[in-house]
C-alpha cells in the first residue's frame, strides 16, 4: 500500500505563538464588543451580510427591507465600526512609532540626503 507524505501548509506555524494568539483574541474581543455596540438596525445588516455572507437581496428579503436600505445600513455600520475601533486603537498606533527629537532629525536628514536635497 503506498504511503502518503503530509506536506505542511507553508505559512502555518509549527507551534502556536502565545503572543500572537493573545493578540488575536484581544482583537477579536475588541471587534465583537464594537459590533455588539452598533445600533440594532445596523448590527443586524452587518451580521447578515458580513458574518453570515448573505447577499444584498437575501438580507433585504430576510429583514423586509429594500436592497438600497441594506446597502446604506451596511455602509453606515462599517463606518461606525471603523470609528469605534479607531477610538480604541488610534492612540496606541500614534504611540507605537513616535518621531521626535534626535530620531526624527536623523530620519529627516536621511530622507533629504536620498532625495539629494541635503544642505
N, C-alpha and C. Protein backbone atom coordinates (compact mmCIF):
# COMPACT_ATOMS: atom_id res chain seq x y z
N UNK A 1 0.85 -1.18 0.00
CA UNK A 1 0.00 0.00 0.00
C UNK A 1 0.90 1.24 0.00
N UNK A 2 0.67 2.21 -0.89
CA UNK A 2 1.53 3.39 -0.96
C UNK A 2 1.36 4.28 0.28
N UNK A 3 2.46 4.88 0.67
CA UNK A 3 2.47 5.81 1.81
C UNK A 3 2.29 7.24 1.29
N UNK A 4 1.61 8.05 2.05
CA UNK A 4 1.42 9.45 1.68
C UNK A 4 2.19 10.32 2.65
N UNK A 5 2.86 11.32 2.11
CA UNK A 5 3.54 12.30 2.95
C UNK A 5 2.61 13.47 3.18
N UNK A 6 2.57 13.95 4.42
CA UNK A 6 1.77 15.12 4.74
C UNK A 6 2.67 16.33 4.57
N UNK A 7 2.25 17.24 3.71
CA UNK A 7 3.02 18.44 3.45
C UNK A 7 2.39 19.58 4.25
N UNK A 8 3.14 20.18 5.18
CA UNK A 8 2.56 21.27 5.98
C UNK A 8 2.32 22.51 5.12
N UNK A 9 1.27 23.21 5.45
CA UNK A 9 0.98 24.47 4.77
C UNK A 9 2.13 25.43 5.05
N UNK A 10 2.69 26.09 4.04
CA UNK A 10 3.91 26.88 4.22
C UNK A 10 3.80 28.00 5.26
N UNK A 11 2.64 28.62 5.40
CA UNK A 11 2.52 29.74 6.33
C UNK A 11 2.10 29.30 7.72
N UNK A 12 1.78 28.04 7.88
CA UNK A 12 1.33 27.55 9.19
C UNK A 12 2.53 27.44 10.12
N UNK A 13 2.37 27.99 11.31
CA UNK A 13 3.43 27.92 12.30
C UNK A 13 3.44 26.52 12.89
N UNK A 14 4.63 25.92 13.08
CA UNK A 14 4.70 24.57 13.62
C UNK A 14 4.13 24.47 15.04
N UNK A 15 4.29 25.52 15.81
CA UNK A 15 3.69 25.55 17.14
C UNK A 15 3.06 26.92 17.34
N UNK A 16 1.94 26.97 18.03
CA UNK A 16 1.25 28.25 18.18
C UNK A 16 2.11 29.25 18.96
N UNK A 17 2.14 30.46 18.46
CA UNK A 17 2.86 31.55 19.11
C UNK A 17 1.94 32.16 20.17
N UNK A 18 2.29 32.04 21.45
CA UNK A 18 1.39 32.52 22.51
C UNK A 18 1.09 34.01 22.41
N UNK A 19 2.07 34.83 22.07
CA UNK A 19 1.83 36.27 21.95
C UNK A 19 0.85 36.56 20.83
N UNK A 20 1.04 35.88 19.72
CA UNK A 20 0.15 36.09 18.58
C UNK A 20 -1.27 35.64 18.92
N UNK A 21 -1.39 34.51 19.61
CA UNK A 21 -2.72 34.01 20.00
C UNK A 21 -3.43 34.99 20.91
N UNK A 22 -2.71 35.54 21.88
CA UNK A 22 -3.30 36.50 22.81
C UNK A 22 -3.71 37.76 22.05
N UNK A 23 -2.85 38.24 21.17
CA UNK A 23 -3.17 39.45 20.40
C UNK A 23 -4.40 39.23 19.53
N UNK A 24 -4.48 38.07 18.88
CA UNK A 24 -5.64 37.77 18.03
C UNK A 24 -6.92 37.70 18.86
N UNK A 25 -6.84 37.11 20.05
CA UNK A 25 -8.02 37.05 20.92
C UNK A 25 -8.45 38.45 21.35
N UNK A 26 -7.48 39.30 21.67
CA UNK A 26 -7.81 40.67 22.08
C UNK A 26 -8.46 41.44 20.94
N UNK A 27 -7.93 41.28 19.74
CA UNK A 27 -8.52 41.96 18.58
C UNK A 27 -9.92 41.43 18.32
N UNK A 28 -10.10 40.12 18.43
CA UNK A 28 -11.42 39.53 18.22
C UNK A 28 -12.41 40.06 19.26
N UNK A 29 -12.00 40.14 20.51
CA UNK A 29 -12.90 40.64 21.56
C UNK A 29 -13.25 42.11 21.32
N UNK A 30 -12.25 42.90 20.91
CA UNK A 30 -12.49 44.31 20.63
C UNK A 30 -13.50 44.46 19.49
N UNK A 31 -13.33 43.65 18.46
CA UNK A 31 -14.24 43.68 17.32
C UNK A 31 -15.65 43.23 17.71
N UNK A 32 -15.74 42.16 18.48
CA UNK A 32 -17.05 41.67 18.93
C UNK A 32 -17.77 42.72 19.76
N UNK A 33 -17.05 43.39 20.67
CA UNK A 33 -17.67 44.43 21.50
C UNK A 33 -18.14 45.60 20.64
N UNK A 34 -17.32 45.98 19.65
CA UNK A 34 -17.70 47.08 18.77
C UNK A 34 -18.94 46.72 17.96
N UNK A 35 -19.03 45.47 17.49
CA UNK A 35 -20.21 45.02 16.76
C UNK A 35 -21.42 45.00 17.68
N UNK A 36 -21.25 44.50 18.91
CA UNK A 36 -22.35 44.47 19.87
C UNK A 36 -22.89 45.86 20.18
N UNK A 37 -22.02 46.87 20.12
CA UNK A 37 -22.42 48.23 20.46
C UNK A 37 -23.10 48.97 19.32
N UNK A 38 -23.12 48.37 18.12
CA UNK A 38 -23.79 49.02 17.00
C UNK A 38 -25.30 49.08 17.24
N UNK A 39 -25.97 50.11 16.71
CA UNK A 39 -27.43 50.12 16.79
C UNK A 39 -27.99 48.86 16.12
N UNK A 40 -29.11 48.37 16.65
CA UNK A 40 -29.68 47.10 16.19
C UNK A 40 -29.85 47.01 14.67
N UNK A 41 -30.40 48.06 14.06
CA UNK A 41 -30.65 48.02 12.61
C UNK A 41 -29.36 47.83 11.82
N UNK A 42 -28.30 48.47 12.25
CA UNK A 42 -27.02 48.36 11.55
C UNK A 42 -26.33 47.04 11.86
N UNK A 43 -26.39 46.63 13.12
CA UNK A 43 -25.74 45.37 13.52
C UNK A 43 -26.38 44.18 12.79
N UNK A 44 -27.69 44.17 12.69
CA UNK A 44 -28.39 43.07 12.02
C UNK A 44 -27.96 42.94 10.57
N UNK A 45 -27.89 44.06 9.87
CA UNK A 45 -27.47 44.03 8.47
C UNK A 45 -26.00 43.61 8.36
N UNK A 46 -25.15 44.14 9.21
CA UNK A 46 -23.73 43.79 9.18
C UNK A 46 -23.53 42.29 9.40
N UNK A 47 -24.22 41.75 10.39
CA UNK A 47 -24.07 40.32 10.68
C UNK A 47 -24.58 39.48 9.50
N UNK A 48 -25.72 39.85 8.96
CA UNK A 48 -26.26 39.08 7.83
C UNK A 48 -25.33 39.14 6.62
N UNK A 49 -24.84 40.32 6.30
CA UNK A 49 -24.03 40.48 5.08
C UNK A 49 -22.60 39.98 5.26
N UNK A 50 -21.95 40.32 6.36
CA UNK A 50 -20.54 40.02 6.51
C UNK A 50 -20.29 38.68 7.20
N UNK A 51 -20.96 38.45 8.29
CA UNK A 51 -20.69 37.23 9.06
C UNK A 51 -21.42 36.04 8.46
N UNK A 52 -22.69 36.23 8.10
CA UNK A 52 -23.47 35.13 7.51
C UNK A 52 -23.28 35.03 5.99
N UNK A 53 -22.59 36.01 5.41
CA UNK A 53 -22.26 36.01 3.98
C UNK A 53 -23.51 35.95 3.09
N UNK A 54 -24.55 36.66 3.51
CA UNK A 54 -25.77 36.72 2.72
C UNK A 54 -25.64 37.82 1.67
N UNK A 55 -26.33 37.66 0.57
CA UNK A 55 -26.32 38.68 -0.48
C UNK A 55 -27.20 39.85 -0.04
N UNK A 56 -27.11 40.94 -0.79
CA UNK A 56 -27.96 42.11 -0.50
C UNK A 56 -29.43 41.70 -0.62
N UNK A 57 -29.74 40.95 -1.65
CA UNK A 57 -31.12 40.55 -1.89
C UNK A 57 -31.63 39.62 -0.78
N UNK A 58 -30.81 38.67 -0.38
CA UNK A 58 -31.20 37.75 0.70
C UNK A 58 -31.44 38.52 2.00
N UNK A 59 -30.54 39.46 2.30
CA UNK A 59 -30.66 40.25 3.53
C UNK A 59 -31.92 41.10 3.48
N UNK A 60 -32.15 41.73 2.33
CA UNK A 60 -33.35 42.57 2.18
C UNK A 60 -34.61 41.75 2.37
N UNK A 61 -34.66 40.57 1.78
CA UNK A 61 -35.82 39.70 1.90
C UNK A 61 -36.02 39.25 3.35
N UNK A 62 -34.93 38.86 4.00
CA UNK A 62 -35.00 38.39 5.39
C UNK A 62 -35.51 39.47 6.33
N UNK A 63 -35.04 40.70 6.12
CA UNK A 63 -35.37 41.78 7.05
C UNK A 63 -36.54 42.65 6.58
N UNK A 64 -37.09 42.33 5.41
CA UNK A 64 -38.22 43.11 4.88
C UNK A 64 -37.80 44.53 4.52
N UNK A 65 -36.61 44.67 3.94
CA UNK A 65 -36.09 45.98 3.57
C UNK A 65 -35.88 46.05 2.07
N UNK A 66 -35.70 47.25 1.56
CA UNK A 66 -35.30 47.43 0.18
C UNK A 66 -33.80 47.17 0.08
N UNK A 67 -33.31 46.65 -1.03
CA UNK A 67 -31.87 46.42 -1.19
C UNK A 67 -31.04 47.68 -0.96
N UNK A 68 -31.58 48.83 -1.38
CA UNK A 68 -30.86 50.10 -1.19
C UNK A 68 -30.67 50.38 0.30
N UNK A 69 -31.67 50.05 1.10
CA UNK A 69 -31.60 50.27 2.54
C UNK A 69 -30.54 49.36 3.16
N UNK A 70 -30.47 48.13 2.68
CA UNK A 70 -29.45 47.19 3.16
C UNK A 70 -28.07 47.75 2.88
N UNK A 71 -27.85 48.24 1.66
CA UNK A 71 -26.55 48.79 1.29
C UNK A 71 -26.18 49.99 2.15
N UNK A 72 -27.16 50.87 2.38
CA UNK A 72 -26.91 52.07 3.19
C UNK A 72 -26.59 51.69 4.63
N UNK A 73 -27.36 50.77 5.18
CA UNK A 73 -27.11 50.37 6.57
C UNK A 73 -25.76 49.67 6.73
N UNK A 74 -25.39 48.87 5.74
CA UNK A 74 -24.09 48.21 5.82
C UNK A 74 -22.97 49.25 5.75
N UNK A 75 -23.11 50.21 4.88
CA UNK A 75 -22.11 51.28 4.77
C UNK A 75 -21.99 52.03 6.09
N UNK A 76 -23.10 52.38 6.67
CA UNK A 76 -23.09 53.12 7.94
C UNK A 76 -22.56 52.25 9.09
N UNK A 77 -22.91 50.98 9.09
CA UNK A 77 -22.41 50.06 10.13
C UNK A 77 -20.89 49.96 10.06
N UNK A 78 -20.36 49.84 8.86
CA UNK A 78 -18.90 49.76 8.70
C UNK A 78 -18.24 51.04 9.19
N UNK A 79 -18.84 52.18 8.88
CA UNK A 79 -18.26 53.46 9.33
C UNK A 79 -18.29 53.54 10.84
N UNK A 80 -19.41 53.19 11.44
CA UNK A 80 -19.50 53.21 12.91
C UNK A 80 -18.47 52.27 13.54
N UNK A 81 -18.30 51.12 12.92
CA UNK A 81 -17.34 50.13 13.40
C UNK A 81 -15.92 50.67 13.30
N UNK A 82 -15.59 51.25 12.14
CA UNK A 82 -14.25 51.85 11.97
C UNK A 82 -14.00 52.94 12.99
N UNK A 83 -15.00 53.79 13.19
CA UNK A 83 -14.85 54.89 14.16
C UNK A 83 -14.63 54.36 15.57
N UNK A 84 -15.40 53.34 15.94
CA UNK A 84 -15.26 52.76 17.29
C UNK A 84 -13.89 52.13 17.47
N UNK A 85 -13.41 51.41 16.47
CA UNK A 85 -12.09 50.78 16.56
C UNK A 85 -10.99 51.82 16.54
N UNK A 86 -11.17 52.87 15.77
CA UNK A 86 -10.18 53.95 15.73
C UNK A 86 -10.05 54.61 17.11
N UNK A 87 -11.18 54.80 17.79
CA UNK A 87 -11.13 55.39 19.14
C UNK A 87 -10.35 54.51 20.10
N UNK A 88 -10.47 53.19 19.93
CA UNK A 88 -9.78 52.27 20.83
C UNK A 88 -8.32 52.06 20.45
N UNK A 89 -8.06 51.93 19.16
CA UNK A 89 -6.72 51.56 18.70
C UNK A 89 -5.89 52.78 18.31
N UNK A 90 -6.53 53.83 17.87
CA UNK A 90 -5.83 55.01 17.37
C UNK A 90 -4.73 55.52 18.28
N UNK A 91 -5.00 55.74 19.57
CA UNK A 91 -3.94 56.24 20.46
C UNK A 91 -2.75 55.29 20.56
N UNK A 92 -3.00 53.99 20.50
CA UNK A 92 -1.90 53.03 20.57
C UNK A 92 -1.03 53.11 19.33
N UNK A 93 -1.64 53.37 18.18
CA UNK A 93 -0.86 53.46 16.94
C UNK A 93 0.03 54.70 16.92
N UNK A 94 -0.49 55.81 17.42
CA UNK A 94 0.33 57.02 17.41
C UNK A 94 1.49 56.91 18.39
N UNK A 95 1.33 56.12 19.43
CA UNK A 95 2.42 55.92 20.39
C UNK A 95 3.41 54.85 19.93
N UNK A 96 3.02 54.04 18.95
CA UNK A 96 3.87 52.93 18.53
C UNK A 96 5.13 53.40 17.80
N UNK A 97 5.02 54.48 17.05
CA UNK A 97 6.16 54.96 16.28
C UNK A 97 6.36 56.45 16.52
N UNK A 98 6.79 56.81 17.70
CA UNK A 98 6.98 58.24 17.96
C UNK A 98 8.19 58.78 17.18
N UNK A 99 8.01 59.92 16.56
CA UNK A 99 9.10 60.58 15.85
C UNK A 99 9.30 61.93 16.51
N UNK A 100 10.34 62.01 17.31
CA UNK A 100 10.62 63.27 17.94
C UNK A 100 12.11 63.36 18.24
N UNK A 101 12.56 64.54 18.44
CA UNK A 101 13.94 64.76 18.85
C UNK A 101 14.96 64.25 17.84
N UNK A 102 16.03 63.66 18.36
CA UNK A 102 17.16 63.23 17.54
C UNK A 102 16.75 62.19 16.51
N UNK A 103 15.87 61.28 16.89
CA UNK A 103 15.46 60.24 15.95
C UNK A 103 14.77 60.85 14.74
N UNK A 104 13.89 61.81 14.98
CA UNK A 104 13.17 62.46 13.89
C UNK A 104 14.15 63.24 13.01
N UNK A 105 15.06 63.96 13.62
CA UNK A 105 16.03 64.75 12.87
C UNK A 105 16.91 63.84 12.01
N UNK A 106 17.35 62.72 12.56
CA UNK A 106 18.20 61.78 11.84
C UNK A 106 17.44 61.21 10.64
N UNK A 107 16.19 60.84 10.84
CA UNK A 107 15.40 60.29 9.74
C UNK A 107 15.18 61.35 8.67
N UNK A 108 14.89 62.57 9.06
CA UNK A 108 14.68 63.66 8.10
C UNK A 108 15.94 63.88 7.28
N UNK A 109 17.09 63.89 7.94
CA UNK A 109 18.36 64.07 7.23
C UNK A 109 18.59 62.96 6.22
N UNK A 110 18.28 61.73 6.59
CA UNK A 110 18.48 60.60 5.68
C UNK A 110 17.56 60.69 4.46
N UNK A 111 16.32 61.08 4.69
CA UNK A 111 15.37 61.20 3.58
C UNK A 111 15.82 62.31 2.64
N UNK A 112 16.20 63.46 3.20
CA UNK A 112 16.65 64.56 2.37
C UNK A 112 17.91 64.20 1.59
N UNK A 113 18.83 63.45 2.24
CA UNK A 113 20.06 63.02 1.56
C UNK A 113 19.73 62.12 0.37
N UNK A 114 18.81 61.19 0.57
CA UNK A 114 18.44 60.28 -0.52
C UNK A 114 17.75 61.01 -1.68
N UNK A 115 17.06 62.06 -1.32
CA UNK A 115 16.41 62.86 -2.36
C UNK A 115 17.37 63.86 -3.01
N UNK A 116 18.59 63.93 -2.46
CA UNK A 116 19.57 64.87 -2.98
C UNK A 116 19.28 66.31 -2.59
N UNK A 117 18.58 66.47 -1.47
CA UNK A 117 18.20 67.82 -1.02
C UNK A 117 18.90 68.24 0.25
N UNK A 118 19.89 67.47 0.69
CA UNK A 118 20.54 67.80 1.97
C UNK A 118 21.40 69.04 1.80
N UNK A 119 21.49 69.79 2.88
CA UNK A 119 22.25 71.05 2.85
C UNK A 119 23.72 70.83 3.06
